[in-house]
Protein backbone atom coordinates (compact mmCIF):
# COMPACT_ATOMS: atom_id res chain seq x y z
CA MET A 1 9.84 28.60 12.34
CA SER A 2 7.22 26.04 11.26
CA LEU A 3 6.19 25.77 7.63
CA SER A 4 2.75 26.74 6.36
CA LYS A 5 0.15 24.06 5.69
CA GLU A 6 0.56 24.56 1.92
CA SER A 7 4.33 24.01 2.13
CA LEU A 8 3.95 20.91 4.32
CA GLU A 9 1.42 19.43 1.87
CA PHE A 10 3.76 20.11 -1.04
CA ILE A 11 6.66 18.38 0.73
CA GLU A 12 4.51 15.30 1.44
CA ASP A 13 3.34 15.28 -2.18
CA LEU A 14 6.95 15.47 -3.37
CA ARG A 15 7.95 12.61 -1.04
CA ALA A 16 5.11 10.46 -2.43
CA TYR A 17 6.02 11.39 -6.01
CA LEU A 18 9.68 10.47 -5.59
CA PHE A 19 8.80 7.18 -3.88
CA ALA A 20 6.37 6.29 -6.69
CA SER A 21 9.10 7.19 -9.19
CA GLY A 22 11.41 4.61 -7.59
CA LYS A 23 14.05 7.05 -6.37
CA LYS A 24 16.53 6.31 -3.58
CA LYS A 25 15.07 7.22 -0.21
CA ALA A 26 18.26 8.72 1.27
CA GLU A 27 18.83 11.01 -1.72
CA SER A 28 15.15 11.95 -1.80
CA GLU A 29 15.21 12.95 1.86
CA GLU A 30 18.33 15.10 1.31
CA ILE A 31 16.57 17.01 -1.48
CA ILE A 32 13.43 17.37 0.64
CA GLU A 33 15.42 18.73 3.60
CA GLU A 34 17.06 21.31 1.33
CA LEU A 35 13.65 22.31 -0.02
CA GLU A 36 12.29 22.67 3.52
CA MET A 37 15.08 25.15 4.33
CA HIS A 38 14.41 27.12 1.13
CA LEU A 39 10.69 27.25 1.91
CA GLN A 40 11.35 28.41 5.47
CA GLU A 41 13.62 31.21 4.21
CA ALA A 42 11.06 32.17 1.57
CA GLU A 43 8.20 32.29 4.09
CA LYS A 44 10.30 34.41 6.45
CA ALA A 45 10.78 36.84 3.56
CA GLY A 46 7.04 36.85 2.89
CA LYS A 47 7.28 34.88 -0.37
CA SER A 48 4.73 32.32 -1.56
CA ILE A 49 5.51 28.70 -2.34
CA LYS A 50 5.03 29.43 -6.06
CA GLN A 51 8.00 31.79 -5.96
CA VAL A 52 10.15 28.83 -4.85
CA VAL A 53 8.80 25.92 -6.93
CA GLY A 54 7.18 27.80 -9.81
CA ASP A 55 3.65 27.71 -11.19
CA SER A 56 3.76 24.02 -12.15
CA PRO A 57 4.28 21.55 -9.26
CA LYS A 58 4.41 18.72 -11.80
CA GLU A 59 7.33 20.24 -13.74
CA TYR A 60 9.19 21.01 -10.50
CA MET A 61 8.78 17.46 -9.21
CA GLN A 62 9.83 16.02 -12.57
CA SER A 63 12.97 18.16 -12.55
CA ILE A 64 13.83 16.95 -9.03
CA SER A 65 13.12 13.35 -10.03
CA GLU A 66 15.45 13.59 -13.04
CA GLN A 67 18.33 14.57 -10.75
CA LEU A 68 18.02 11.41 -8.65
CA GLU A 69 19.05 7.83 -9.43
CA GLN A 70 16.57 4.99 -9.76
CA ASP A 71 16.59 2.61 -6.80
CA LYS A 72 16.32 -0.57 -8.87
CA ARG A 73 17.73 -2.81 -6.15
CA ASN A 74 15.02 -1.86 -3.65
CA TRP A 75 12.26 -2.35 -6.23
CA ILE A 76 13.60 -5.82 -7.06
CA VAL A 77 13.12 -6.66 -3.37
CA PHE A 78 9.96 -4.59 -2.93
CA ILE A 79 7.87 -6.26 -5.66
CA PRO A 80 8.28 -9.88 -4.44
CA LEU A 81 7.54 -8.66 -0.89
CA ILE A 82 4.27 -7.11 -2.08
CA ILE A 83 3.30 -10.33 -3.89
CA MET A 84 4.15 -12.48 -0.85
CA GLY A 85 2.43 -10.01 1.48
CA GLY A 86 -0.73 -10.21 -0.59
CA PHE A 87 -0.55 -14.01 -0.77
CA SER A 88 -0.21 -14.19 3.02
CA PHE A 89 -3.79 -12.93 3.46
CA THR A 90 -5.22 -15.68 1.26
CA ILE A 91 -2.99 -18.38 2.74
CA VAL A 92 -3.79 -17.48 6.37
CA LYS A 93 -7.55 -17.45 5.65
CA ASP A 94 -7.28 -20.86 4.00
CA LEU A 95 -5.17 -22.20 6.86
CA PHE A 96 -7.90 -21.16 9.30
CA ALA A 97 -10.46 -22.84 7.03
CA GLY A 98 -8.44 -26.07 7.15
CA PHE A 99 -7.46 -26.47 3.48
CA LEU A 100 -4.69 -25.25 1.21
CA SER A 101 -5.13 -25.90 -2.49
CA TYR A 102 -4.58 -23.59 -5.48
CA SER A 103 -4.79 -23.94 -9.23
CA LEU A 104 -1.99 -22.82 -11.52
CA LEU A 105 -4.38 -20.25 -13.03
CA GLU A 106 -5.05 -18.79 -9.56
CA VAL A 107 -1.35 -18.37 -8.81
CA VAL A 108 -0.39 -16.87 -12.19
CA GLY A 109 -3.49 -14.68 -12.31
CA TYR A 110 -2.94 -13.42 -8.78
CA VAL A 111 0.67 -12.43 -9.47
CA GLY A 112 -0.36 -10.66 -12.69
CA ILE A 113 -3.15 -8.72 -10.97
CA VAL A 114 -0.87 -7.68 -8.08
CA LEU A 115 1.74 -6.38 -10.52
CA LEU A 116 -0.94 -4.48 -12.46
CA THR A 117 -2.32 -3.04 -9.21
CA LEU A 118 1.16 -1.89 -8.20
CA LEU A 119 1.58 -0.18 -11.59
CA LEU A 120 -1.83 1.54 -11.38
CA ILE A 121 -1.26 2.74 -7.81
CA THR A 122 2.21 4.04 -8.70
CA LYS A 123 0.78 6.03 -11.63
CA ALA A 124 -2.07 7.35 -9.46
CA VAL A 125 0.29 8.42 -6.64
CA LYS A 126 2.58 10.23 -9.09
CA LYS A 127 -0.30 12.18 -10.62
CA TRP A 128 -1.86 12.87 -7.24
CA GLY A 129 1.47 13.96 -5.75
CA ALA A 130 2.21 16.33 -8.61
CA ARG A 131 -1.33 17.74 -8.57
CA ALA A 132 -1.23 17.13 -12.31
CA GLU A 133 -4.96 16.42 -12.45
CA SER A 134 -8.07 18.11 -11.15
CA GLY A 135 -9.72 16.86 -7.95
CA ARG A 136 -12.32 14.89 -9.90
CA LYS A 137 -9.70 13.24 -12.12
CA GLN A 138 -7.62 12.35 -9.06
CA VAL A 139 -10.60 10.63 -7.47
CA ILE A 140 -11.32 8.79 -10.73
CA GLY A 141 -7.66 7.74 -11.03
CA VAL A 142 -7.42 6.40 -7.48
CA GLY A 143 -10.84 4.75 -7.85
CA ALA A 144 -9.76 3.02 -11.06
CA ALA A 145 -6.55 1.78 -9.37
CA THR A 146 -8.76 0.21 -6.70
CA VAL A 147 -11.81 -0.97 -8.65
CA ILE A 148 -10.09 -2.46 -11.72
CA PRO A 149 -8.05 -5.02 -9.69
CA LEU A 150 -11.20 -5.88 -7.71
CA PHE A 151 -13.10 -6.75 -10.90
CA LEU A 152 -10.08 -8.65 -12.18
CA PHE A 153 -10.00 -10.75 -8.99
CA ILE A 154 -13.72 -11.48 -9.38
CA GLY A 155 -13.10 -12.40 -13.02
CA LEU A 156 -10.24 -14.66 -11.95
CA ILE A 157 -12.58 -16.55 -9.58
CA PHE A 158 -15.06 -17.27 -12.39
CA ALA A 159 -12.28 -18.08 -14.87
CA ASP A 160 -10.77 -20.56 -12.41
CA ARG A 161 -14.12 -22.34 -12.15
CA ALA A 162 -14.50 -22.53 -15.93
CA ILE A 163 -10.89 -23.33 -16.89
CA HIS A 164 -9.26 -26.38 -15.33
CA THR A 165 -5.51 -26.09 -14.77
CA PRO A 166 -3.10 -28.23 -12.70
CA MET A 167 -3.69 -28.01 -8.94
CA ILE A 168 -1.15 -27.46 -6.17
CA HIS A 169 -2.27 -29.33 -3.04
CA PHE A 170 -0.81 -29.02 0.46
CA GLY A 171 -1.33 -31.85 2.91
CA PRO A 172 -1.21 -31.55 6.73
CA MET A 173 2.60 -31.36 6.78
CA GLY A 174 2.61 -28.88 3.89
CA MET A 175 0.10 -26.71 5.74
CA TRP A 176 2.28 -26.67 8.87
CA ILE A 177 5.35 -25.74 6.82
CA MET A 178 3.41 -23.04 4.97
CA GLY A 179 1.99 -21.67 8.24
CA ILE A 180 5.43 -21.45 9.87
CA GLY A 181 6.85 -19.93 6.68
CA ILE A 182 4.15 -17.24 6.58
CA LEU A 183 4.69 -16.47 10.28
CA LEU A 184 8.44 -16.04 9.77
CA PHE A 185 7.81 -13.93 6.65
CA VAL A 186 5.35 -11.58 8.40
CA VAL A 187 7.58 -11.13 11.46
CA GLY A 188 10.70 -10.68 9.30
CA VAL A 189 9.08 -8.07 7.05
CA SER A 190 7.71 -6.20 10.07
CA ILE A 191 11.17 -6.02 11.70
CA TRP A 192 12.79 -5.02 8.38
CA ALA A 193 10.19 -2.33 7.62
CA LYS A 194 10.07 -1.20 11.28
CA THR A 195 6.27 -1.33 11.28
CA TRP A 196 3.69 -3.86 12.44
CA ALA A 197 1.19 -2.81 9.77
CA LEU A 198 1.22 -6.19 7.99
CA PRO A 199 0.45 -8.42 11.02
CA ILE A 200 -2.17 -5.94 12.30
CA LEU A 201 -3.97 -5.80 8.94
CA LEU A 202 -3.57 -9.56 8.53
CA ALA A 203 -5.25 -10.12 11.91
CA LEU A 204 -8.07 -7.68 11.10
CA VAL A 205 -8.78 -9.39 7.78
CA THR A 206 -8.61 -13.02 8.94
CA LEU A 207 -9.32 -13.31 12.68
CA PRO A 208 -12.90 -11.91 12.84
CA GLU A 209 -14.09 -14.34 10.18
CA PHE A 210 -12.34 -17.29 11.87
CA LEU A 211 -13.64 -16.47 15.36
CA LEU A 212 -17.21 -15.83 14.19
CA ARG A 213 -17.15 -19.18 12.39
CA GLN A 214 -16.90 -20.81 15.83
CA THR A 215 -20.22 -19.25 16.90
CA SER A 216 -23.79 -20.24 16.13
CA LEU A 217 -24.51 -17.09 14.13
CA PRO A 218 -26.04 -17.63 10.65
CA GLU A 219 -23.51 -17.54 7.82
CA GLU A 220 -24.83 -14.22 6.43
CA ALA A 221 -24.61 -12.60 9.89
CA GLN A 222 -21.04 -13.90 10.25
CA LEU A 223 -20.07 -12.39 6.90
CA LEU A 224 -21.63 -8.99 7.65
CA THR A 225 -20.21 -8.84 11.18
CA SER A 226 -16.68 -9.89 10.16
CA THR A 227 -16.71 -7.37 7.28
CA PHE A 228 -17.85 -4.58 9.62
CA ILE A 229 -15.18 -5.44 12.21
CA MET A 230 -12.50 -5.60 9.51
CA LEU A 231 -13.43 -2.24 7.94
CA ALA A 232 -13.85 -0.52 11.32
CA GLY A 233 -10.51 -1.90 12.50
CA VAL A 234 -8.66 -0.86 9.33
CA LEU A 235 -10.16 2.67 9.46
CA LEU A 236 -9.27 2.99 13.16
CA TYR A 237 -5.73 1.80 12.48
CA LEU A 238 -5.29 4.27 9.59
CA PHE A 239 -6.71 7.08 11.75
CA ILE A 240 -4.22 6.32 14.55
CA ILE A 241 -1.30 6.13 12.09
CA ASN A 242 -2.31 9.41 10.43
CA ARG A 243 -2.71 11.16 13.80
CA ASN A 244 0.70 9.97 14.99
CA GLU A 245 2.36 11.09 11.74
CA ARG A 246 0.81 14.55 12.06
CA LYS A 247 2.03 14.82 15.65
CA THR A 248 5.53 13.87 14.48
CA GLU A 249 5.41 16.47 11.70
CA ILE A 250 4.30 19.18 14.14
CA LYS A 251 7.17 18.33 16.52
CA GLU A 252 9.73 18.34 13.68
CA HIS A 253 8.55 21.63 12.25
């Protein structure tokens, strides 16, 4: 028997909540499988999901989270990977542009903003997963987690122009080493994570701009076209991923 849409949504919310809480994936999946069986039995008996998890999804998810251990080891690996993954976009764009030079303020500021973004997204996912806020507050929370880092990055650009800090320059050899290093990093992470999301997104963000720069189009037209291609490509990729995940869920349930 397949689960109802409400039960499936709750299970996905719980999975997101436990991930954002830094719980071990294997233990989380065991709990989720047990819950799926309970929900199936309850639905067969004509019971609602509230009769299984109670009136407060947030309290239920918190109680489940408290039973599981923190996966500190994975987060120690996960955070540097996020920072390096984010840096790879900037580095690849600069490699295509033919220069590689960063100020100390850029590097420190970038790391700080990435860590803050990770914290904001984690908080937003936990609240969204637990349905702890109204729809409007959820939108505001996710929007803040997206917009605040964007403004901070813009602020960092202006601060870097106004405040002079030591520069880190990469010559031709340094650029080759950095390029090979980024390539190995992207391929390694993709194999480890069993997904090619990073290289696909990296190509969508960097290649259109680089290829259009080789044409005779005006600079403004290049910027608009590359942005459109990037956004359209990212949306198409997310649509395909979401459709495939839904197909997998339907087969499993």
